[in-house]
C-alpha atoms as a PDB file:
ATOM      1  CA  MET A   1     -31.852 -77.551 -43.515  1.00  0.00           C
ATOM      2  CA  ARG A   2     -28.520 -76.910 -44.982  1.00  0.00           C
ATOM      3  CA  ARG A   3     -29.265 -73.235 -45.317  1.00  0.00           C
ATOM      4  CA  ILE A   4     -30.207 -73.006 -41.611  1.00  0.00           C
ATOM      5  CA  ALA A   5     -26.836 -74.900 -40.799  1.00  0.00           C
ATOM      6  CA  PHE A   6     -24.803 -72.410 -42.900  1.00  0.00           C
ATOM      7  CA  THR A   7     -26.682 -69.513 -41.295  1.00  0.00           C
ATOM      8  CA  LEU A   8     -25.950 -70.696 -37.683  1.00  0.00           C
ATOM      9  CA  ALA A   9     -22.236 -71.302 -38.641  1.00  0.00           C
ATOM     10  CA  GLY A  10     -22.008 -67.763 -39.905  1.00  0.00           C
ATOM     11  CA  LEU A  11     -23.664 -66.352 -36.821  1.00  0.00           C
ATOM     12  CA  LEU A  12     -21.143 -68.248 -34.603  1.00  0.00           C
ATOM     13  CA  LEU A  13     -18.206 -66.909 -36.666  1.00  0.00           C
ATOM     14  CA  VAL A  14     -19.519 -63.309 -36.251  1.00  0.00           C
ATOM     15  CA  ILE A  15     -19.958 -63.702 -32.505  1.00  0.00           C
ATOM     16  CA  SER A  16     -16.583 -65.227 -32.146  1.00  0.00           C
ATOM     17  CA  ALA A  17     -14.875 -62.272 -34.045  1.00  0.00           C
ATOM     18  CA  ALA A  18     -16.857 -59.728 -32.128  1.00  0.00           C
ATOM     19  CA  THR A  19     -15.815 -61.412 -28.782  1.00  0.00           C
ATOM     20  CA  ALA A  20     -12.146 -61.657 -29.821  1.00  0.00           C
ATOM     21  CA  LYS A  21     -12.090 -57.930 -30.896  1.00  0.00           C
ATOM     22  CA  ALA A  22     -13.728 -56.969 -27.540  1.00  0.00           C
ATOM     23  CA  GLN A  23     -11.094 -58.817 -25.706  1.00  0.00           C
ATOM     24  CA  GLU A  24      -8.333 -56.967 -27.773  1.00  0.00           C
ATOM     25  CA  THR A  25      -9.750 -53.610 -26.991  1.00  0.00           C
ATOM     26  CA  GLN A  26     -10.096 -54.274 -23.191  1.00  0.00           C
ATOM     27  CA  PRO A  27      -7.019 -52.923 -21.168  1.00  0.00           C
ATOM     28  CA  ALA A  28      -4.753 -55.547 -19.785  1.00  0.00           C
ATOM     29  CA  ALA A  29      -5.449 -56.332 -16.207  1.00  0.00           C
ATOM     30  CA  THR A  30      -2.858 -54.943 -13.753  1.00  0.00           C
ATOM     31  CA  MET A  31      -1.133 -57.352 -11.468  1.00  0.00           C
ATOM     32  CA  SER A  32       0.252 -56.600  -8.020  1.00  0.00           C
ATOM     33  CA  VAL A  33       2.805 -58.724  -6.430  1.00  0.00           C
ATOM     34  CA  PRO A  34       4.976 -58.399  -3.254  1.00  0.00           C
ATOM     35  CA  VAL A  35       8.066 -56.420  -3.894  1.00  0.00           C
ATOM     36  CA  ALA A  36      10.430 -58.684  -2.181  1.00  0.00           C
ATOM     37  CA  SER A  37      10.657 -61.975  -0.419  1.00  0.00           C
ATOM     38  CA  TYR A  38      10.914 -62.330   3.290  1.00  0.00           C
ATOM     39  CA  SER A  39      14.741 -62.842   3.072  1.00  0.00           C
ATOM     40  CA  GLN A  40      15.131 -59.877   0.746  1.00  0.00           C
ATOM     41  CA  ALA A  41      13.124 -57.521   3.024  1.00  0.00           C
ATOM     42  CA  ASN A  42      14.814 -58.562   6.091  1.00  0.00           C
ATOM     43  CA  CYS A  43      18.480 -58.708   4.819  1.00  0.00           C
ATOM     44  CA  THR A  44      18.681 -55.343   3.259  1.00  0.00           C
ATOM     45  CA  GLY A  45      20.642 -53.632   5.971  1.00  0.00           C
ATOM     46  CA  PHE A  46      20.020 -49.857   6.682  1.00  0.00           C
ATOM     47  CA  ILE A  47      21.755 -46.627   7.196  1.00  0.00           C
ATOM     48  CA  ALA A  48      20.970 -45.224  10.748  1.00  0.00           C
ATOM     49  CA  ASP A  49      21.268 -41.565  11.239  1.00  0.00           C
ATOM     50  CA  THR A  50      22.658 -42.178  14.722  1.00  0.00           C
ATOM     51  CA  PRO A  51      24.678 -45.132  15.850  1.00  0.00           C
ATOM     52  CA  VAL A  52      22.636 -48.150  17.206  1.00  0.00           C
ATOM     53  CA  PRO A  53      23.203 -48.714  20.922  1.00  0.00           C
ATOM     54  CA  HIS A  54      25.469 -51.592  21.803  1.00  0.00           C
ATOM     55  CA  ASP A  55      23.785 -52.274  25.085  1.00  0.00           C
ATOM     56  CA  LEU A  56      22.839 -55.794  24.088  1.00  0.00           C
ATOM     57  CA  PHE A  57      25.499 -57.937  22.307  1.00  0.00           C
ATOM     58  CA  VAL A  58      26.474 -61.534  21.486  1.00  0.00           C
ATOM     59  CA  LEU A  59      28.873 -62.905  24.063  1.00  0.00           C
ATOM     60  CA  GLY A  60      29.347 -66.361  22.406  1.00  0.00           C
ATOM     61  CA  GLY A  61      27.426 -69.432  22.016  1.00  0.00           C
ATOM     62  CA  ALA A  62      26.743 -73.057  22.541  1.00  0.00           C
ATOM     63  CA  ASP A  63      29.193 -75.810  21.291  1.00  0.00           C
ATOM     64  CA  ASP A  64      32.206 -73.570  21.635  1.00  0.00           C
ATOM     65  CA  ASP A  65      34.198 -75.045  24.489  1.00  0.00           C
ATOM     66  CA  PHE A  66      37.340 -73.109  23.765  1.00  0.00           C
ATOM     67  CA  HIS A  67      35.782 -69.774  23.023  1.00  0.00           C
ATOM     68  CA  SER A  68      37.194 -69.773  19.444  1.00  0.00           C
ATOM     69  CA  VAL A  69      37.646 -66.272  17.827  1.00  0.00           C
ATOM     70  CA  VAL A  70      36.591 -67.676  14.578  1.00  0.00           C
ATOM     71  CA  ARG A  71      33.481 -69.502  15.712  1.00  0.00           C
ATOM     72  CA  GLN A  72      30.236 -68.483  13.923  1.00  0.00           C
ATOM     73  CA  PHE A  73      26.609 -69.220  14.585  1.00  0.00           C
ATOM     74  CA  VAL A  74      23.948 -69.954  12.244  1.00  0.00           C
ATOM     75  CA  LYS A  75      20.207 -70.710  12.147  1.00  0.00           C
ATOM     76  CA  GLY A  76      19.174 -73.366  14.682  1.00  0.00           C
ATOM     77  CA  GLU A  77      22.055 -72.721  17.038  1.00  0.00           C
ATOM     78  CA  SER A  78      22.009 -70.983  20.420  1.00  0.00           C
ATOM     79  CA  ILE A  79      23.933 -67.934  21.530  1.00  0.00           C
ATOM     80  CA  PHE A  80      24.575 -66.191  24.751  1.00  0.00           C
ATOM     81  CA  ILE A  81      23.510 -62.618  25.195  1.00  0.00           C
ATOM     82  CA  SER A  82      25.310 -59.980  27.385  1.00  0.00           C
ATOM     83  CA  GLN A  83      23.964 -56.576  28.490  1.00  0.00           C
ATOM     84  CA  ARG A  84      25.848 -53.464  29.499  1.00  0.00           C
ATOM     85  CA  ASN A  85      22.971 -51.907  31.366  1.00  0.00           C
ATOM     86  CA  GLY A  86      20.304 -53.065  33.751  1.00  0.00           C
ATOM     87  CA  GLY A  87      16.925 -54.541  32.468  1.00  0.00           C
ATOM     88  CA  GLN A  88      15.201 -57.885  32.461  1.00  0.00           C
ATOM     89  CA  LEU A  89      15.166 -59.871  29.227  1.00  0.00           C
ATOM     90  CA  ALA A  90      11.993 -62.017  28.767  1.00  0.00           C
ATOM     91  CA  VAL A  91      11.741 -65.514  27.517  1.00  0.00           C
ATOM     92  CA  GLY A  92      10.081 -65.409  24.104  1.00  0.00           C
ATOM     93  CA  ALA A  93      11.317 -61.926  23.282  1.00  0.00           C
ATOM     94  CA  ASP A  94      12.616 -61.453  19.726  1.00  0.00           C
ATOM     95  CA  TYR A  95      15.604 -59.536  18.603  1.00  0.00           C
ATOM     96  CA  ASN A  96      17.313 -58.472  15.364  1.00  0.00           C
ATOM     97  CA  VAL A  97      21.183 -58.894  15.203  1.00  0.00           C
ATOM     98  CA  VAL A  98      22.871 -56.092  13.342  1.00  0.00           C
ATOM     99  CA  ARG A  99      26.522 -55.135  12.674  1.00  0.00           C
ATOM    100  CA  PRO A 100      28.187 -51.998  11.443  1.00  0.00           C
ATOM    101  CA  VAL A 101      29.619 -52.217   7.955  1.00  0.00           C
ATOM    102  CA  LYS A 102      31.271 -48.995   7.384  1.00  0.00           C
ATOM    103  CA  ASP A 103      34.387 -50.856   6.068  1.00  0.00           C
ATOM    104  CA  LEU A 104      32.334 -52.280   3.305  1.00  0.00           C
ATOM    105  CA  PHE A 105      32.076 -48.827   1.707  1.00  0.00           C
ATOM    106  CA  ALA A 106      35.668 -48.159   1.835  1.00  0.00           C
ATOM    107  CA  THR A 107      35.718 -48.666  -2.056  1.00  0.00           C
ATOM    108  CA  MET A 108      34.038 -45.651  -3.605  1.00  0.00           C
ATOM    109  CA  HIS A 109      32.352 -45.872  -7.084  1.00  0.00           C
ATOM    110  CA  TYR A 110      31.755 -42.150  -7.807  1.00  0.00           C
ATOM    111  CA  GLN A 111      33.260 -39.035  -6.697  1.00  0.00           C
ATOM    112  CA  GLY A 112      31.942 -37.833  -3.361  1.00  0.00           C
ATOM    113  CA  GLU A 113      30.284 -41.226  -2.507  1.00  0.00           C
ATOM    114  CA  GLY A 114      32.039 -41.379   0.925  1.00  0.00           C
ATOM    115  CA  GLY A 115      30.774 -38.049   1.991  1.00  0.00           C
ATOM    116  CA  ASP A 116      27.316 -38.815   0.688  1.00  0.00           C
ATOM    117  CA  ILE A 117      27.091 -42.000   2.854  1.00  0.00           C
ATOM    118  CA  GLY A 118      28.578 -40.104   5.781  1.00  0.00           C
ATOM    119  CA  LYS A 119      25.820 -37.549   5.629  1.00  0.00           C
ATOM    120  CA  LEU A 120      23.228 -40.254   5.898  1.00  0.00           C
ATOM    121  CA  GLY A 121      24.688 -41.970   8.902  1.00  0.00           C
ATOM    122  CA  MET A 122      26.124 -45.341   9.831  1.00  0.00           C
ATOM    123  CA  PRO A 123      25.649 -48.324   7.540  1.00  0.00           C
ATOM    124  CA  TYR A 124      24.479 -51.622   9.224  1.00  0.00           C
ATOM    125  CA  ALA A 125      24.100 -55.107   8.118  1.00  0.00           C
ATOM    126  CA  ASP A 126      21.079 -57.305   9.061  1.00  0.00           C
ATOM    127  CA  VAL A 127      22.725 -60.285  10.280  1.00  0.00           C
ATOM    128  CA  ALA A 128      19.983 -62.561  12.006  1.00  0.00           C
ATOM    129  CA  GLN A 129      16.951 -62.779  14.104  1.00  0.00           C
ATOM    130  CA  VAL A 130      16.842 -64.581  17.639  1.00  0.00           C
ATOM    131  CA  LYS A 131      14.328 -65.605  20.256  1.00  0.00           C
ATOM    132  CA  VAL A 132      15.298 -65.661  23.803  1.00  0.00           C
ATOM    133  CA  THR A 133      14.780 -69.211  25.261  1.00  0.00           C
ATOM    134  CA  HIS A 134      16.285 -69.135  28.791  1.00  0.00           C
ATOM    135  CA  VAL A 135      16.913 -66.426  31.390  1.00  0.00           C
ATOM    136  CA  ASN A 136      18.678 -67.454  34.565  1.00  0.00           C
ATOM    137  CA  PRO A 137      21.258 -66.032  37.055  1.00  0.00           C
ATOM    138  CA  ASP A 138      24.173 -67.383  34.872  1.00  0.00           C
ATOM    139  CA  GLY A 139      23.031 -65.710  31.727  1.00  0.00           C
ATOM    140  CA  VAL A 140      20.656 -65.319  28.784  1.00  0.00           C
ATOM    141  CA  VAL A 141      20.389 -67.795  25.965  1.00  0.00           C
ATOM    142  CA  ALA A 142      18.526 -67.113  22.564  1.00  0.00           C
ATOM    143  CA  LYS A 143      18.029 -69.464  19.605  1.00  0.00           C
ATOM    144  CA  ILE A 144      18.673 -68.165  16.124  1.00  0.00           C
ATOM    145  CA  THR A 145      15.398 -68.430  14.171  1.00  0.00           C
ATOM    146  CA  PHE A 146      16.436 -66.661  10.916  1.00  0.00           C
ATOM    147  CA  SER A 147      19.791 -65.665   9.469  1.00  0.00           C
ATOM    148  CA  CYS A 148      21.057 -63.541   6.539  1.00  0.00           C
ATOM    149  CA  GLU A 149      24.571 -64.495   7.512  1.00  0.00           C
ATOM    150  CA  ALA A 150      26.498 -65.985  10.404  1.00  0.00           C
ATOM    151  CA  ILE A 151      26.452 -64.324  13.916  1.00  0.00           C
ATOM    152  CA  VAL A 152      29.854 -63.606  15.491  1.00  0.00           C
ATOM    153  CA  PRO A 153      30.585 -62.504  18.986  1.00  0.00           C
ATOM    154  CA  GLY A 154      30.305 -58.744  19.502  1.00  0.00           C
ATOM    155  CA  ASP A 155      27.377 -58.433  17.105  1.00  0.00           C
ATOM    156  CA  THR A 156      24.601 -55.953  18.379  1.00  0.00           C
ATOM    157  CA  LEU A 157      21.109 -56.888  19.294  1.00  0.00           C
ATOM    158  CA  VAL A 158      18.037 -54.509  19.044  1.00  0.00           C
ATOM    159  CA  PRO A 159      14.360 -55.345  19.600  1.00  0.00           C
ATOM    160  CA  PHE A 160      12.755 -57.019  16.672  1.00  0.00           C
ATOM    161  CA  GLN A 161      10.650 -54.886  14.513  1.00  0.00           C
ATOM    162  CA  PRO A 162       8.666 -56.519  11.684  1.00  0.00           C
ATOM    163  CA  ARG A 163       9.218 -55.023   8.137  1.00  0.00           C
ATOM    164  CA  ALA A 164       6.035 -54.832   6.054  1.00  0.00           C
ATOM    165  CA  ILE A 165       6.569 -55.929   2.494  1.00  0.00           C
ATOM    166  CA  PRO A 166       4.811 -53.546   0.074  1.00  0.00           C
ATOM    167  CA  ASP A 167       3.038 -54.648  -3.065  1.00  0.00           C
ATOM    168  CA  TYR A 168       4.306 -53.569  -6.523  1.00  0.00           C
ATOM    169  CA  THR A 169       2.063 -53.270  -9.407  1.00  0.00           C
ATOM    170  CA  VAL A 170       3.725 -54.596 -12.487  1.00  0.00           C
ATOM    171  CA  SER A 171       3.569 -52.081 -15.383  1.00  0.00           C
ATOM    172  CA  LYS A 172       5.032 -51.544 -18.907  1.00  0.00           C
ATOM    173  CA  PRO A 173       8.549 -50.056 -19.328  1.00  0.00           C
ATOM    174  CA  LEU A 174       8.917 -46.385 -18.638  1.00  0.00           C
ATOM    175  CA  ASP A 175       9.687 -43.893 -21.433  1.00  0.00           C
ATOM    176  CA  HIS A 176      13.437 -44.014 -21.638  1.00  0.00           C
ATOM    177  CA  PHE A 177      13.851 -40.324 -22.426  1.00  0.00           C
ATOM    178  CA  ALA A 178      10.969 -38.713 -20.572  1.00  0.00           C
ATOM    179  CA  PRO A 179      11.725 -35.211 -19.452  1.00  0.00           C
ATOM    180  CA  LEU A 180      12.398 -34.595 -15.790  1.00  0.00           C
ATOM    181  CA  ASP A 181       9.634 -33.142 -13.577  1.00  0.00           C
ATOM    182  CA  GLN A 182      11.354 -30.583 -11.185  1.00  0.00           C
ATOM    183  CA  ASN A 183       8.228 -30.531  -9.003  1.00  0.00           C
ATOM    184  CA  LYS A 184       8.917 -34.136  -8.043  1.00  0.00           C
ATOM    185  CA  ALA A 185      11.410 -35.372  -5.348  1.00  0.00           C
ATOM    186  CA  HIS A 186      14.873 -36.092  -6.740  1.00  0.00           C
ATOM    187  CA  GLY A 187      17.743 -37.910  -5.041  1.00  0.00           C
ATOM    188  CA  ARG A 188      20.657 -40.395  -5.743  1.00  0.00           C
ATOM    189  CA  ILE A 189      21.606 -43.962  -5.331  1.00  0.00           C
ATOM    190  CA  THR A 190      24.297 -43.689  -2.771  1.00  0.00           C
ATOM    191  CA  ALA A 191      25.411 -47.477  -2.757  1.00  0.00           C
ATOM    192  CA  SER A 192      24.248 -50.958  -3.096  1.00  0.00           C
ATOM    193  CA  ARG A 193      23.957 -53.555  -0.471  1.00  0.00           C
ATOM    194  CA  ASN A 194      27.123 -55.394  -1.485  1.00  0.00           C
ATOM    195  CA  ASN A 195      28.833 -52.221  -2.652  1.00  0.00           C
ATOM    196  CA  PHE A 196      28.773 -53.256  -6.319  1.00  0.00           C
ATOM    197  CA  GLY A 197      29.797 -50.598  -8.783  1.00  0.00           C
ATOM    198  CA  SER A 198      27.311 -51.654 -11.410  1.00  0.00           C
ATOM    199  CA  PHE A 199      24.081 -53.801 -10.906  1.00  0.00           C
ATOM    200  CA  GLY A 200      20.632 -54.632 -12.075  1.00  0.00           C
ATOM    201  CA  GLU A 201      17.191 -55.992 -11.126  1.00  0.00           C
ATOM    202  CA  GLY A 202      16.853 -57.547  -7.775  1.00  0.00           C
ATOM    203  CA  THR A 203      19.562 -55.466  -6.215  1.00  0.00           C
ATOM    204  CA  VAL A 204      19.032 -53.688  -2.940  1.00  0.00           C
ATOM    205  CA  VAL A 205      20.208 -49.916  -3.045  1.00  0.00           C
ATOM    206  CA  TYR A 206      20.318 -47.206  -0.502  1.00  0.00           C
ATOM    207  CA  LEU A 207      18.719 -43.850  -1.484  1.00  0.00           C
ATOM    208  CA  ASP A 208      19.512 -40.408  -0.081  1.00  0.00           C
ATOM    209  CA  LEU A 209      15.883 -39.603   0.487  1.00  0.00           C
ATOM    210  CA  GLY A 210      14.403 -40.061   3.929  1.00  0.00           C
ATOM    211  CA  GLU A 211      11.015 -39.813   5.646  1.00  0.00           C
ATOM    212  CA  LYS A 212      10.224 -36.421   4.105  1.00  0.00           C
ATOM    213  CA  ASP A 213      10.210 -37.578   0.545  1.00  0.00           C
ATOM    214  CA  SER A 214       9.857 -41.268   0.692  1.00  0.00           C
ATOM    215  CA  GLN A 215       7.858 -44.255   2.194  1.00  0.00           C
ATOM    216  CA  PRO A 216       7.576 -47.953   1.799  1.00  0.00           C
ATOM    217  CA  GLY A 217       5.982 -48.850  -1.593  1.00  0.00           C
ATOM    218  CA  LYS A 218       6.929 -45.572  -3.276  1.00  0.00           C
ATOM    219  CA  ARG A 219       8.324 -46.011  -6.815  1.00  0.00           C
ATOM    220  CA  PHE A 220      11.234 -44.058  -8.264  1.00  0.00           C
ATOM    221  CA  ARG A 221      12.516 -44.003 -11.791  1.00  0.00           C
ATOM    222  CA  ILE A 222      16.282 -44.356 -12.094  1.00  0.00           C
ATOM    223  CA  TYR A 223      18.011 -42.131 -14.614  1.00  0.00           C
ATOM    224  CA  LYS A 224      21.411 -41.405 -15.793  1.00  0.00           C
ATOM    225  CA  VAL A 225      22.747 -37.976 -16.527  1.00  0.00           C
ATOM    226  CA  LEU A 226      25.435 -38.234 -19.277  1.00  0.00           C
ATOM    227  CA  PRO A 227      28.332 -35.971 -19.826  1.00  0.00           C
ATOM    228  CA  PRO A 228      27.854 -33.254 -22.471  1.00  0.00           C
ATOM    229  CA  GLU A 229      28.567 -34.175 -26.013  1.00  0.00           C
ATOM    230  CA  THR A 230      31.646 -32.437 -27.378  1.00  0.00           C
ATOM    231  CA  THR A 231      30.716 -29.905 -30.006  1.00  0.00           C
ATOM    232  CA  GLY A 232      34.156 -28.146 -30.282  1.00  0.00           C
ATOM    233  CA  PHE A 233      37.169 -27.053 -28.336  1.00  0.00           C
ATOM    234  CA  LEU A 234      36.252 -26.652 -24.609  1.00  0.00           C
ATOM    235  CA  SER A 235      32.477 -26.645 -25.544  1.00  0.00           C
ATOM    236  CA  GLY A 236      29.599 -29.275 -25.393  1.00  0.00           C
ATOM    237  CA  LYS A 237      25.999 -29.726 -25.533  1.00  0.00           C
ATOM    238  CA  SER A 238      23.926 -31.660 -22.981  1.00  0.00           C
ATOM    239  CA  THR A 239      21.781 -34.481 -23.806  1.00  0.00           C
ATOM    240  CA  PRO A 240      18.438 -35.808 -22.389  1.00  0.00           C
ATOM    241  CA  PRO A 241      18.616 -37.787 -19.189  1.00  0.00           C
ATOM    242  CA  GLU A 242      18.236 -41.548 -19.903  1.00  0.00           C
ATOM    243  CA  THR A 243      15.749 -43.663 -17.820  1.00  0.00           C
ATOM    244  CA  ILE A 244      17.509 -46.941 -16.988  1.00  0.00           C
ATOM    245  CA  GLY A 245      15.229 -48.690 -14.370  1.00  0.00           C
ATOM    246  CA  GLU A 246      12.815 -48.496 -11.625  1.00  0.00           C
ATOM    247  CA  ALA A 247      13.054 -49.118  -7.814  1.00  0.00           C
ATOM    248  CA  VAL A 248      10.511 -49.620  -4.990  1.00  0.00           C
ATOM    249  CA  VAL A 249      11.111 -48.445  -1.517  1.00  0.00           C
ATOM    250  CA  LEU A 250      11.156 -51.277   1.184  1.00  0.00           C
ATOM    251  CA  SER A 251      11.881 -49.282   4.346  1.00  0.00           C
ATOM    252  CA  VAL A 252      12.614 -45.655   5.355  1.00  0.00           C
ATOM    253  CA  ASN A 253      14.925 -44.057   7.904  1.00  0.00           C
ATOM    254  CA  SER A 254      15.263 -40.500   8.872  1.00  0.00           C
ATOM    255  CA  LYS A 255      17.566 -39.547   6.139  1.00  0.00           C
ATOM    256  CA  SER A 256      17.669 -42.500   3.926  1.00  0.00           C
ATOM    257  CA  SER A 257      15.679 -45.287   2.237  1.00  0.00           C
ATOM    258  CA  VAL A 258      16.211 -48.881   1.198  1.00  0.00           C
ATOM    259  CA  ALA A 259      14.779 -49.961  -2.085  1.00  0.00           C
ATOM    260  CA  LEU A 260      14.843 -52.891  -4.407  1.00  0.00           C
ATOM    261  CA  VAL A 261      15.546 -52.494  -8.132  1.00  0.00           C
ATOM    262  CA  VAL A 262      12.517 -54.048  -9.825  1.00  0.00           C
ATOM    263  CA  SER A 263      13.545 -53.444 -13.480  1.00  0.00           C
ATOM    264  CA  SER A 264      16.561 -52.451 -15.271  1.00  0.00           C
ATOM    265  CA  TYR A 265      16.946 -51.517 -18.922  1.00  0.00           C
ATOM    266  CA  ARG A 266      20.830 -51.416 -18.936  1.00  0.00           C
ATOM    267  CA  GLU A 267      23.365 -51.471 -16.108  1.00  0.00           C
ATOM    268  CA  ILE A 268      22.752 -49.176 -13.109  1.00  0.00           C
ATOM    269  CA  ALA A 269      25.562 -47.733 -11.059  1.00  0.00           C
ATOM    270  CA  ALA A 270      26.123 -46.226  -7.684  1.00  0.00           C
ATOM    271  CA  GLY A 271      25.588 -42.553  -8.156  1.00  0.00           C
ATOM    272  CA  ASP A 272      22.873 -42.639 -10.684  1.00  0.00           C
ATOM    273  CA  HIS A 273      19.936 -40.385 -10.032  1.00  0.00           C
ATOM    274  CA  ILE A 274      16.289 -41.001  -9.012  1.00  0.00           C
ATOM    275  CA  GLU A 275      12.974 -39.200  -9.464  1.00  0.00           C
ATOM    276  CA  ALA A 276       9.597 -39.911  -7.579  1.00  0.00           C
ATOM    277  CA  GLU A 277       6.885 -41.330  -9.856  1.00  0.00           C
END
């Protein structure tokens, strides 16, 4: 009886060891997660290749008896909409509120940044989303349903367009010194959403690749090109490009893309380069 018990115990140990070894040799399951939250995806801002029409704009809002020049409006409050051209606004219609932010990029972080942004178009901030609640002969009223920041009189309204949030497959870190592939699309990070000089994971960035080379969900490795190492008087030797992070595209315009940095191995800076994966 004791011999049978020992035999069974040994058999169970062999089975357990084989199972554990099989689990070790199996590849780890990949996991896909949304790249960004709703707030991140809808508060990125964008660079439009042509100026956004200012036909619809915020005239003011409720609870502003003296039309204060410093009055701001946030989620849950009502605003008044004015329109320059004809057209009937419908109750229930949704609009995005946007604002030009060219002054934000007055501070440059690398040589030629201003020209690079200018080639892409006009930067805009996502301010809020509103829904029309009243249309009558005296004007149009809309309620703020979502806000990235406070609305101010003069902000522009454009028809609401939902932004799909792509999935991101979590993967192991990239090779930090992998050679570049010249057959893949290459570009640059022209700026970050808040115009930081250096930033890391979770930062929204603007890429100088548009519809031709980019699409939502596309992944880019971020790399830094270092100055040549000095080897003597007026001479130097180049070093391998250093991979410093990864970004995933959230939305695309004609000449530019908006992306979110999903990993950073060291600080990333405006002007760093990107390569399609």
